Every structure is written in C-alpha cells, then in structure tokens.
Protein backbone atom coordinates (compact mmCIF):
# COMPACT_ATOMS: atom_id res chain seq x y z
CA MET A 1 2.50 22.92 16.82
CA LEU A 2 2.34 25.37 13.91
CA SER A 3 2.18 23.79 10.45
CA LEU A 4 4.78 24.74 7.90
CA ILE A 5 2.20 26.34 5.60
CA PHE A 6 0.97 28.51 8.46
CA ARG A 7 4.54 29.55 9.29
CA ILE A 8 5.11 30.60 5.69
CA GLN A 9 1.87 32.57 5.59
CA LEU A 10 2.66 34.28 8.88
CA SER A 11 6.18 35.18 7.76
CA VAL A 12 4.96 36.66 4.47
CA PHE A 13 2.34 38.67 6.37
CA ILE A 14 4.99 40.07 8.71
CA PHE A 15 7.21 40.92 5.77
CA ASN A 16 4.39 42.73 3.95
CA PHE A 17 3.47 44.57 7.14
CA PHE A 18 6.97 45.98 7.59
CA ARG A 19 7.26 46.79 3.91
CA SER A 20 4.02 48.81 4.03
CA LYS A 21 5.07 50.61 7.21
CA PHE A 22 8.50 51.53 5.92
CA ASN A 23 7.94 52.16 2.23
CA TYR A 24 11.36 53.51 1.31
CA GLN A 25 11.99 52.32 -2.17
CA TYR A 26 15.70 51.70 -1.72
CA SER A 27 16.38 52.74 1.85
CA MET A 28 18.89 50.82 3.92
CA PHE A 29 16.07 49.88 6.30
CA ASN A 30 14.05 48.25 3.55
CA ILE A 31 17.11 46.45 2.27
CA ARG A 32 18.67 45.34 5.53
CA PHE A 33 15.60 44.85 7.65
CA SER A 34 12.50 43.82 5.72
CA ILE A 35 13.94 40.76 3.94
CA PRO A 36 15.77 39.55 7.07
CA VAL A 37 12.51 39.94 9.04
CA LEU A 38 10.77 37.57 6.61
CA LEU A 39 13.54 35.00 6.83
CA PHE A 40 14.02 35.46 10.56
CA PHE A 41 10.43 34.68 11.40
CA LEU A 42 10.25 31.93 8.80
CA PHE A 43 13.27 30.05 10.14
CA LEU A 44 12.60 30.90 13.76
CA LEU A 45 9.14 29.38 13.55
CA ASP A 46 10.53 26.51 11.51
CA GLY A 47 13.03 25.78 14.24
CA ARG A 48 10.43 25.13 16.92
CA SER A 49 10.66 21.88 18.86
CA GLN A 50 9.50 18.98 16.67
CA GLU A 51 9.24 15.24 16.93
CA VAL A 52 12.29 13.65 15.29
CA ILE A 53 11.14 10.42 13.67
CA SER A 54 13.48 7.72 12.43
CA LEU A 55 12.83 5.52 9.42
CA GLN A 56 12.61 2.41 11.60
CA LYS A 57 9.99 4.05 13.81
CA ALA A 58 8.03 5.21 10.78
CA LEU A 59 8.03 1.70 9.30
CA GLU A 60 6.78 0.25 12.59
CA VAL A 61 3.96 2.79 12.78
CA GLY A 62 3.07 2.17 9.14
CA LEU A 63 2.93 -1.60 9.65
CA LYS A 64 0.59 -1.13 12.56
CA ASN A 65 -1.72 1.62 11.29
CA ASN A 66 -1.75 1.73 7.49
CA TYR A 67 -5.30 1.12 6.28
CA SER A 68 -4.33 -0.78 3.13
CA ILE A 69 -2.31 -3.24 5.21
CA ILE A 70 -5.18 -3.74 7.66
CA LEU A 71 -7.71 -4.36 4.88
CA GLN A 72 -5.45 -6.85 3.10
CA LYS A 73 -4.74 -8.60 6.39
CA ASN A 74 -8.50 -9.04 6.87
CA ASP A 75 -8.72 -10.70 3.45
CA ALA A 76 -5.83 -12.99 4.38
CA ASP A 77 -7.59 -13.90 7.65
CA ILE A 78 -10.72 -14.85 5.69
CA ALA A 79 -8.68 -17.13 3.41
CA ARG A 80 -7.02 -18.68 6.46
CA ASN A 81 -10.40 -19.29 8.14
CA ASN A 82 -11.71 -20.96 4.97
CA ASN A 83 -8.87 -23.50 4.92
CA THR A 84 -10.54 -26.28 6.93
CA ILE A 85 -11.35 -29.94 6.27
CA GLY A 86 -15.02 -29.15 6.79
CA ASN A 87 -15.00 -26.53 4.04
CA ALA A 88 -13.21 -29.02 1.78
CA GLY A 89 -16.00 -31.60 2.24
CA PHE A 90 -14.29 -34.20 4.46
CA LEU A 91 -16.78 -34.00 7.35
CA PRO A 92 -20.44 -35.07 7.37
CA SER A 93 -23.41 -32.77 7.74
CA ILE A 94 -25.93 -33.47 10.50
CA ASP A 95 -29.40 -31.89 10.56
CA LEU A 96 -31.96 -31.96 13.35
CA SER A 97 -35.61 -31.42 12.51
CA ALA A 98 -38.81 -31.27 14.52
CA ALA A 99 -42.40 -30.64 13.42
CA GLN A 100 -45.74 -30.71 15.15
CA ASN A 101 -49.03 -30.39 13.25
CA ASN A 102 -52.40 -29.85 14.89
CA THR A 103 -55.72 -29.92 12.97
CA ILE A 104 -59.34 -29.48 14.02
CA SER A 105 -61.82 -30.78 11.45
CA THR A 106 -65.52 -31.66 11.10
CA THR A 107 -66.10 -34.73 8.93
CA HIS A 108 -69.09 -36.59 7.38
CA GLN A 109 -68.31 -40.11 6.18
CA GLU A 110 -70.58 -42.54 4.29
CA GLN A 111 -69.13 -46.02 3.85
CA PHE A 112 -70.12 -48.70 1.28
CA SER A 113 -71.53 -50.74 4.10
CA GLY A 114 -74.10 -48.02 4.67
CA THR A 115 -72.54 -46.75 7.85
CA VAL A 116 -72.76 -42.99 8.28
CA LYS A 117 -70.36 -41.22 10.66
CA ASP A 118 -70.35 -37.54 11.62
CA VAL A 119 -67.56 -36.07 13.77
CA ASN A 120 -67.61 -32.43 14.88
CA GLN A 121 -64.34 -30.56 15.63
CA ALA A 122 -62.17 -33.65 15.76
CA LYS A 123 -58.58 -33.01 16.84
CA ASN A 124 -55.61 -34.63 15.07
CA ASN A 125 -52.07 -34.11 16.49
CA THR A 126 -48.83 -35.36 14.92
CA LEU A 127 -45.26 -34.95 16.22
CA ASN A 128 -42.16 -35.81 14.16
CA ILE A 129 -38.58 -35.49 15.45
CA GLY A 130 -35.55 -36.67 13.53
CA ALA A 131 -31.77 -36.37 13.12
CA GLN A 132 -30.24 -36.94 9.70
CA MET A 133 -26.54 -37.33 8.76
CA ASN A 134 -25.20 -37.14 5.20
CA TRP A 135 -21.54 -38.04 4.62
CA THR A 136 -19.76 -38.10 1.28
CA LEU A 137 -17.40 -41.07 1.32
CA PHE A 138 -16.05 -40.74 -2.21
CA ASP A 139 -16.33 -37.91 -4.75
CA GLY A 140 -13.54 -38.68 -7.18
CA LEU A 141 -10.96 -37.31 -4.73
CA ASN A 142 -12.46 -33.83 -5.16
CA MET A 143 -12.40 -33.20 -1.42
CA PHE A 144 -8.64 -33.74 -1.32
CA VAL A 145 -8.16 -31.38 -4.26
CA SER A 146 -10.43 -28.81 -2.59
CA LYS A 147 -8.35 -28.94 0.59
CA GLN A 148 -5.18 -28.31 -1.42
CA MET A 149 -6.86 -25.43 -3.26
CA LEU A 150 -7.91 -23.87 0.04
CA GLY A 151 -4.29 -24.11 1.20
CA VAL A 152 -3.10 -22.36 -1.96
CA MET A 153 -5.74 -19.66 -1.50
CA GLU A 154 -4.51 -19.15 2.06
CA ASP A 155 -0.98 -18.77 0.72
CA LEU A 156 -2.28 -16.30 -1.86
CA GLY A 157 -3.90 -14.28 0.90
CA GLU A 158 -0.69 -14.19 2.93
CA ASN A 159 1.35 -13.34 -0.16
CA GLY A 160 -1.16 -10.61 -1.01
CA SER A 161 -0.55 -9.14 2.42
CA ARG A 162 3.16 -9.28 1.75
CA ILE A 163 2.72 -7.43 -1.56
CA VAL A 164 0.72 -4.66 0.11
CA VAL A 165 3.16 -4.45 3.04
CA GLU A 166 6.18 -4.27 0.73
CA GLY A 167 4.51 -1.57 -1.38
CA THR A 168 3.57 0.44 1.69
CA LEU A 169 7.01 0.14 3.30
CA SER A 170 8.60 1.12 0.00
CA ASP A 171 6.34 4.19 -0.23
CA ILE A 172 7.12 5.14 3.37
CA THR A 173 10.86 4.74 2.80
CA VAL A 174 10.89 6.73 -0.44
CA THR A 175 8.74 9.47 1.05
CA PHE A 176 10.97 9.59 4.12
CA PHE A 177 14.10 10.14 2.04
CA GLY A 178 12.12 12.49 -0.20
CA ILE A 179 11.56 14.66 2.86
CA ILE A 180 15.28 14.62 3.57
CA GLN A 181 15.91 15.60 -0.05
CA LEU A 182 13.45 18.51 0.22
CA LYS A 183 15.07 19.61 3.49
CA LYS A 184 18.39 19.78 1.69
CA LEU A 185 16.83 21.68 -1.20
CA VAL A 186 15.36 24.13 1.30
CA ARG A 187 18.82 24.56 2.78
CA VAL A 188 20.28 25.23 -0.68
CA ALA A 189 17.53 27.75 -1.39
CA ARG A 190 18.15 29.36 1.98
CA ASP A 191 21.89 29.68 1.24
CA ALA A 192 21.02 31.25 -2.11
CA VAL A 193 18.80 33.80 -0.35
CA ASP A 194 21.54 34.59 2.15
CA LEU A 195 24.03 35.16 -0.67
CA SER A 196 21.55 37.30 -2.59
CA MET A 197 20.87 39.35 0.55
CA GLN A 198 24.59 40.02 0.96
CA ARG A 199 24.85 40.97 -2.68
CA LYS A 200 21.92 43.38 -2.38
CA SER A 201 23.38 44.93 0.76
CA ILE A 202 26.70 45.52 -1.05
CA ALA A 203 24.87 47.02 -4.03
CA ALA A 204 22.84 49.29 -1.75
CA ALA A 205 25.96 50.38 0.12
CA LYS A 206 27.69 51.26 -3.16
CA VAL A 207 24.65 53.28 -4.25
CA SER A 208 24.63 55.20 -0.97
CA LEU A 209 28.35 55.96 -1.41
CA GLY A 210 27.89 56.99 -5.04
CA ALA A 211 30.11 54.15 -6.27
CA GLY A 212 27.37 51.89 -7.60
CA SER A 213 24.54 52.05 -10.09
CA GLN A 214 20.81 51.87 -9.64
CA LEU A 215 20.74 49.05 -12.21
CA MET A 216 22.92 46.86 -9.99
CA LEU A 217 20.58 47.40 -7.05
CA LEU A 218 17.51 46.65 -9.13
CA GLN A 219 19.05 43.47 -10.52
CA SER A 220 20.10 42.28 -7.08
CA THR A 221 16.55 42.94 -5.82
CA VAL A 222 15.04 40.89 -8.66
CA ASP A 223 17.42 38.00 -7.99
CA LEU A 224 16.73 38.13 -4.26
CA ASN A 225 13.00 38.00 -4.87
CA ALA A 226 13.47 35.05 -7.23
CA ASP A 227 15.55 33.17 -4.67
CA SER A 228 13.06 33.97 -1.91
CA THR A 229 10.21 32.70 -4.07
CA ARG A 230 12.10 29.49 -4.76
CA LEU A 231 12.71 29.05 -1.04
CA ILE A 232 9.01 29.40 -0.21
CA GLU A 233 8.08 26.99 -2.99
CA GLN A 234 10.53 24.41 -1.68
CA MET A 235 9.16 24.79 1.84
CA VAL A 236 5.61 24.24 0.55
CA LEU A 237 6.78 21.08 -1.22
CA LEU A 238 8.37 19.95 2.05
CA ALA A 239 5.14 20.63 3.95
CA ASN A 240 3.09 18.65 1.43
CA ALA A 241 5.55 15.76 1.55
CA LYS A 242 5.07 15.61 5.31
CA VAL A 243 1.31 15.47 4.77
CA ASP A 244 1.75 12.50 2.41
CA PHE A 245 4.06 10.85 4.93
CA ASN A 246 1.52 11.20 7.75
CA ARG A 247 -1.15 9.80 5.44
CA LEU A 248 0.96 6.71 4.81
CA LEU A 249 1.35 6.27 8.57
CA ALA A 250 -2.44 6.66 8.99
CA ARG A 251 -2.07 9.41 11.55
CA ASP A 252 -3.16 13.04 11.82
CA VAL A 253 -1.91 14.73 8.65
CA THR A 254 -1.29 18.00 10.53
CA ILE A 255 1.39 16.47 12.78
CA ASP A 256 4.70 18.25 12.23
CA PHE A 257 7.95 16.37 12.63
CA ASP A 258 11.58 16.40 11.67
CA THR A 259 13.97 13.78 10.28
CA TYR A 260 17.67 13.20 10.29
CA ASP A 261 19.50 14.79 7.37
CA SER A 262 21.66 12.03 5.94
CA ILE A 263 20.85 9.74 3.02
CA GLN A 264 22.99 6.63 3.47
CA ILE A 265 23.39 4.59 0.28
CA THR A 266 24.51 1.00 0.69
CA LYS A 267 27.07 -0.62 -1.55
CA PRO A 268 25.35 -2.41 -4.44
CA GLN A 269 25.36 -6.20 -4.52
CA PRO A 270 26.30 -8.01 -7.75
CA TYR A 271 23.41 -8.09 -10.18
CA ASP A 272 23.41 -11.90 -10.48
CA CYS A 273 23.11 -12.20 -6.71
CA LEU A 274 20.15 -9.81 -6.58
CA LEU A 275 18.43 -11.51 -9.52
CA GLY A 276 18.88 -14.94 -7.92
CA LYS A 277 17.18 -13.73 -4.75
CA ALA A 278 14.40 -12.09 -6.75
CA LEU A 279 13.57 -15.25 -8.70
CA ILE A 280 13.08 -17.05 -5.39
CA GLN A 281 11.63 -14.37 -3.11
CA ASN A 282 9.84 -11.79 -5.26
CA ALA A 283 6.24 -11.46 -4.07
CA GLN A 284 4.70 -10.80 -7.49
CA LEU A 285 6.45 -13.82 -8.99
CA THR A 286 5.36 -15.91 -6.00
CA ASN A 287 1.80 -14.78 -6.64
CA ALA A 288 1.99 -15.95 -10.26
CA ARG A 289 3.37 -19.34 -9.19
CA LEU A 290 0.60 -19.80 -6.62
CA ASN A 291 -2.00 -19.01 -9.28
CA GLN A 292 -0.31 -21.59 -11.48
CA ASP A 293 -0.64 -24.17 -8.68
CA LEU A 294 -4.30 -23.25 -8.36
CA SER A 295 -4.89 -23.79 -12.08
CA ARG A 296 -3.23 -27.22 -11.94
CA LEU A 297 -5.52 -28.23 -9.11
CA GLY A 298 -8.42 -26.92 -11.17
CA VAL A 299 -7.69 -29.60 -13.79
CA ARG A 300 -7.79 -32.34 -11.14
CA GLN A 301 -11.00 -30.89 -9.74
CA ALA A 302 -12.65 -31.00 -13.17
CA GLN A 303 -11.46 -34.60 -13.71
CA SER A 304 -13.10 -35.72 -10.44
CA ASP A 305 -16.54 -35.42 -12.10
CA ARG A 306 -15.71 -38.55 -14.15
CA TYR A 307 -15.90 -40.71 -11.03
CA PRO A 308 -18.95 -41.95 -9.11
CA LEU A 309 -20.28 -40.24 -5.98
CA LEU A 310 -20.85 -42.35 -2.87
CA ASN A 311 -22.81 -40.98 0.10
CA PHE A 312 -23.61 -42.56 3.44
CA THR A 313 -26.79 -41.51 5.20
CA ALA A 314 -27.94 -42.31 8.73
CA GLY A 315 -30.62 -40.97 10.99
CA TYR A 316 -32.97 -41.46 13.90
CA ASN A 317 -36.67 -40.61 13.78
CA TYR A 318 -39.46 -40.41 16.31
CA SER A 319 -43.13 -39.75 15.48
CA THR A 320 -46.51 -39.87 17.28
CA LEU A 321 -50.10 -39.54 16.08
CA ASN A 322 -53.19 -38.74 18.17
CA SER A 323 -56.47 -38.62 16.22
CA GLN A 324 -60.16 -38.42 17.05
CA THR A 325 -61.16 -39.55 13.59
CA GLY A 326 -59.83 -41.83 10.88
CA PHE A 327 -58.51 -45.37 11.06
CA LEU A 328 -55.92 -44.92 13.85
CA LYS A 329 -56.57 -43.40 17.25
CA TYR A 330 -52.91 -43.45 18.35
CA ASN A 331 -49.67 -44.37 16.60
CA GLN A 332 -46.05 -44.13 17.76
CA SER A 333 -42.85 -45.08 15.90
CA TYR A 334 -39.13 -44.55 16.46
CA GLY A 335 -35.81 -45.99 15.48
CA PRO A 336 -32.63 -45.54 13.42
CA SER A 337 -32.20 -45.57 9.67
CA TYR A 338 -29.12 -45.83 7.45
CA GLY A 339 -28.12 -46.49 3.88
CA PHE A 340 -25.75 -45.83 1.01
CA ASN A 341 -26.36 -43.76 -2.09
CA LEU A 342 -24.25 -44.32 -5.20
CA THR A 343 -24.62 -42.08 -8.26
CA TYR A 344 -22.66 -42.17 -11.48
CA ASN A 345 -23.22 -39.86 -14.40
CA LEU A 346 -23.18 -41.69 -17.71
CA PHE A 347 -23.74 -38.73 -20.02
CA ASN A 348 -24.30 -35.01 -19.52
CA GLY A 349 -23.75 -33.57 -22.97
CA PHE A 350 -19.92 -33.84 -22.84
CA ASN A 351 -19.83 -31.06 -20.22
CA VAL A 352 -17.21 -32.89 -18.17
CA ASN A 353 -14.88 -33.06 -21.16
CA ARG A 354 -15.50 -29.39 -21.86
CA ALA A 355 -14.73 -28.42 -18.26
CA ILE A 356 -11.49 -30.42 -18.32
CA LYS A 357 -10.38 -28.81 -21.59
CA ASN A 358 -11.05 -25.32 -20.21
CA ALA A 359 -9.20 -26.15 -17.00
CA LYS A 360 -6.16 -27.25 -19.03
CA ILE A 361 -6.27 -24.00 -21.01
CA ILE A 362 -6.35 -22.04 -17.74
CA MET A 363 -3.38 -24.12 -16.53
CA ASN A 364 -1.48 -23.26 -19.69
CA SER A 365 -2.28 -19.58 -19.17
CA GLY A 366 -0.92 -19.88 -15.63
CA GLU A 367 2.36 -21.26 -16.95
CA ILE A 368 2.62 -18.40 -19.46
CA GLU A 369 1.91 -15.86 -16.72
CA VAL A 370 4.77 -17.27 -14.64
CA GLN A 371 7.14 -16.99 -17.60
CA ASP A 372 5.94 -13.45 -18.31
CA SER A 373 6.36 -12.48 -14.65
CA GLU A 374 9.92 -13.85 -14.61
CA GLN A 375 10.82 -11.91 -17.74
CA ALA A 376 9.19 -8.73 -16.43
CA LEU A 377 11.04 -9.11 -13.13
CA ASN A 378 14.34 -9.63 -14.93
CA ALA A 379 13.76 -6.51 -17.05
CA GLU A 380 12.70 -4.39 -14.08
CA MET A 381 15.66 -5.55 -12.01
CA LEU A 382 18.12 -4.76 -14.80
CA LYS A 383 16.68 -1.29 -15.48
CA THR A 384 16.63 -0.41 -11.78
CA TYR A 385 20.17 -1.72 -11.29
CA ASN A 386 21.41 0.38 -14.23
CA GLN A 387 19.69 3.42 -12.76
CA PHE A 388 21.26 2.72 -9.39
CA LEU A 389 24.79 2.51 -10.80
CA ALA A 390 24.26 5.59 -12.95
CA SER A 391 22.98 7.59 -9.98
CA LEU A 392 26.00 6.57 -7.91
CA ASN A 393 28.31 7.81 -10.65
CA VAL A 394 26.38 11.08 -10.88
CA VAL A 395 26.67 11.51 -7.13
CA LYS A 396 30.46 11.23 -7.35
CA MET A 397 30.66 13.76 -10.16
CA GLN A 398 28.28 16.21 -8.52
CA LEU A 399 30.22 16.09 -5.26
CA ALA A 400 33.24 17.32 -7.15
CA ASN A 401 31.14 19.90 -9.02
CA VAL A 402 29.72 21.32 -5.81
CA LYS A 403 33.18 21.70 -4.33
CA VAL A 404 34.48 23.52 -7.40
CA ALA A 405 31.35 25.64 -7.73
CA GLN A 406 31.57 26.68 -4.07
CA GLU A 407 35.16 27.79 -4.53
CA ASN A 408 34.13 29.77 -7.64
CA VAL A 409 31.39 31.53 -5.71
CA ASP A 410 33.75 32.46 -2.87
CA ILE A 411 36.27 33.92 -5.35
CA ALA A 412 33.58 35.64 -7.42
CA PHE A 413 32.00 37.24 -4.38
CA GLU A 414 35.30 38.78 -3.34
CA LYS A 415 35.79 40.08 -6.87
CA TYR A 416 32.26 41.50 -6.82
CA LYS A 417 33.06 43.44 -3.66
CA LEU A 418 36.07 44.93 -5.43
CA GLY A 419 34.08 45.62 -8.59
CA SER A 420 36.12 43.23 -10.75
CA ILE A 421 32.99 41.40 -12.01
CA ASN A 422 29.45 42.61 -12.62
CA ASP A 423 26.08 41.37 -11.37
CA ILE A 424 25.40 39.13 -14.34
CA GLU A 425 28.70 37.31 -13.96
CA LEU A 426 28.22 36.88 -10.21
CA ARG A 427 24.66 35.62 -10.69
CA GLU A 428 25.77 33.15 -13.32
CA ILE A 429 28.45 31.72 -11.03
CA GLN A 430 25.99 31.60 -8.14
CA GLN A 431 23.43 29.81 -10.31
CA LYS A 432 26.00 27.17 -11.24
CA LEU A 433 26.50 26.42 -7.55
CA ILE A 434 22.75 26.17 -6.99
CA ASP A 435 22.37 23.87 -10.00
CA ALA A 436 25.26 21.66 -8.86
CA GLU A 437 23.80 21.33 -5.36
CA TYR A 438 20.34 20.57 -6.75
CA GLN A 439 21.74 17.91 -9.06
CA LEU A 440 23.75 16.36 -6.24
CA ILE A 441 20.72 16.12 -3.97
CA SER A 442 18.57 14.83 -6.82
CA SER A 443 21.10 12.14 -7.77
CA GLN A 444 21.41 11.03 -4.13
CA PHE A 445 17.66 10.67 -3.91
CA ASP A 446 17.50 8.81 -7.25
CA ALA A 447 20.15 6.38 -6.03
CA LYS A 448 18.25 5.80 -2.79
CA LYS A 449 14.99 5.20 -4.64
CA ALA A 450 16.71 2.68 -6.91
CA GLU A 451 18.25 0.98 -3.87
CA VAL A 452 14.85 0.67 -2.16
CA GLU A 453 13.27 -0.68 -5.34
CA LEU A 454 16.03 -3.26 -5.78
CA THR A 455 15.51 -4.35 -2.19
CA ARG A 456 11.77 -4.72 -2.79
CA LEU A 457 12.17 -6.58 -6.10
CA SER A 458 14.69 -8.99 -4.60
CA GLY A 459 12.35 -9.81 -1.71
CA GLU A 460 14.72 -8.47 0.94
CA LEU A 461 12.59 -5.53 2.12
CA LEU A 462 10.86 -7.43 4.91
CA LYS A 463 13.96 -9.15 6.27
CA GLY A 464 14.10 -8.53 9.99
CA MET A 465 10.58 -7.10 10.11
CA THR A 466 7.35 -8.67 11.36
CA ILE A 467 4.02 -8.38 9.57
CA GLY A 468 1.17 -8.06 12.02
CA THR A 469 -0.25 -5.81 14.64
C-alpha cells in the first residue's frame, strides 16, 4: 500500500509535469486542469483501500506488542519470582561435598630408637564425603520482615507494569484521536482549496470576458497556492502521526490505515468523585505508598540486628584412608553430626543504632513523598478538570461560530460572483471560516486529551482491560 508521503510526492510530480507541458501563464487549461490534476491524484491515491482500525483494537495490539510494556512485565516477573520463603531465609541450606586426595611420596625416617626406615614411592589415598545442613532458627525476626519486603517489591513490580501500561494506553488513545483531528484538519484544508479553486476559476472567467482584472486573478492564484501548501503540510503531519501510532503498537511503521472520524466526548463526572477515585486508585500514588511500606519494614529489618542469631547445623560424613607409610595403614570413619550455634553481638561501634536512625529517616522521607504525591495528584487533577470544562465550553462556542462563518462564506461567495465584494473581503471571510473550523477541531481534541488524562489520573483507564499477553 502506498504511503501518504509517497502519494503526496507523486501528486506534486504529476502537477509539475502538466504545468511544464502546458505552460500557459493564465490559460483556462492551466487554471482548470493543472490544480485539479494535483488534487485528483492526491485524493484518489489517498482513497485507496486501507485497514480501518478501531481504538479498542489498537489498545489490544498495544498491550500485546509494545516493547516498554514487555520490558516492564519482565521486571515484574523477576520481582514475583524473588518472592519466596527460601529467598527470605526461612529454609535451610544443604551442601554436599566430596574429595579424594592421592599422593605418591618417597620418605626417609630416623626414629629416636635408632630405627631407620626408607619407603620409595609410597601411595597414600584419602576419600572424604559429607553432607552439611545449616538452618537459621532465629535471626531477630528478620526473615519474616524480608518475606514482607519481597511481597511489597512484587507489588511494586506489578504497579510499575500498571504505570507503564497506563502511560502507553494513554499515548495510544491520544495519538489515535490526534489522527482523527488531523484528518479533520486535512478536510478543512481540502475545502479551503476547493473554494479557492472556484474563486480562481471565476476570476479567470471574468478576465477572459474582459470583466475582471489581472490583479484579482493573481491574488486568487496566490491564495490557492497558500491553501494547497497548507493542505500538503497537514497531510504530512497526518502521515507522521500514523508513523508514531504504528511505533506505539510496535508494528511496521509503514503500515497505512484509516480510523473512524468521530471524537466522542463523555460527560464529565463531578470533580469530588474523580478525586476520590484517584486518591484510592492512582498508580503513582500507589507506588509512593508501597515505597512507604518498604521503608517501614526497613526500620524493622535494622532493629533485628539487636537480637541474637541461632543456627542449627547437621551433617553426615564418611572418610577412608589407605596409606603405605605412616602410623595408620587403613582408617575408616562415618556417622552423623549436629549442633547449635548461638551468636550475639555485644558491641560493633554503635553501627546498629546508626542503621536504625537512618532507616527511620528513610521512613520519614517515605511519608513526606506520599503527602507530596497526594498534593501533586490533587493539583494535576484540578488543572486537568478545569482544562476539560474550558475545552467543552470552547467546543460549544466554536460550533456556533462555524455555523455562522459557513453562512457568511455562502453569502459572500454569491456576492463575489456578482462583483459586490472584492477578493480581499472574500478571502477575509473565508479565512474566518477556516479559523473557526480549526479552533473547533482543536478544542475537541483538547477536551478529549483532558478526558483521557482524567481517566488515567483517577485510575479508571484499565477498567475492563487485561494486562498480559
């Protein structure tokens, strides 16, 4: 499927080809054929069959393919795998060891009794096999604190995935409606070109009949070129937005597609209701609270060093000795062993007290971060809500403006045909319609962006959706 940029380049090439072949400065062919050829090929190629993607489908593809989501999910899986009783220190460690040593030696021994003994290339073989278990029975309850910390870290990993997912879905949604906005802007620019083409045709017809001026034709040509340039620029912006959208979906960025044209804006909920949901469900605030829980556990972990450490050890050993020299010719031993090991630190330079003080400072910082996050969330919610309401009001006003401006253009164009108004007046009225339509589309998009952001901040963005494959 041809990309939008390629379609624009091809259309401009065709237009320049016809203009060079039929270089009549103001001929009716140049006026009524060359510009329509450009637009004909541009819109004909633009109207080729395309995949029509819905927002729901795009969100599903993004959840499955987006690289940031996959990477964060891997981090969450690691945190989940680490949350075990073994990693917390509840289970014993068991080691198996085996060693065999072989020596060949030549010895010369002289004893006090006067006995002299010479042994050449005597072989000595030893074999040791053992299993050893070490089990911490008491460590100041540190193992219980460690298990709770691992659970919090698992929750942090899952919440981190939620933050990335919400950000990605928000970006996909905003980009999706941004494409719809650009499509509408392209349509406005296209209507402006159509109107400018009609105006130029009228001006050219008047010149050919001797009822118009060359200045009117020149001015209409300049305005048509300006509108055509704006159209091409808007289409390039649309093409680039589609590239960004494909990038968010982690698929081939050259894939062309189409979307539906409507931007549906939901009725705003009361601010207190949204804020209440945000204070409970917001992912960033949840992250701060989990870090606060982690810092509280850090204090308990530091305090555990004030208690004794009790270990239980047990094992089983087997050993043999075969020797051609020395005091023993053969020796074999085997059997179990067990015991307890109790250690208690009496003094280590006040490092335990220092660690506890630092842990309490970190806990206090965690509490401050939660308060700061709540205040920041409240401020962001209020600003976004104000923007949402303001955009809705602008949409209402611009709808009325567009209707009035369209009626003005229709009346002005009829007057222009009769010669009642000049080019400057017609262009000014036309520009007011273009501005009103641009402002309407822009305000609709601003309202939708604010709505999406409110949904994300309140923690409602993932309702009804599943995070995963």
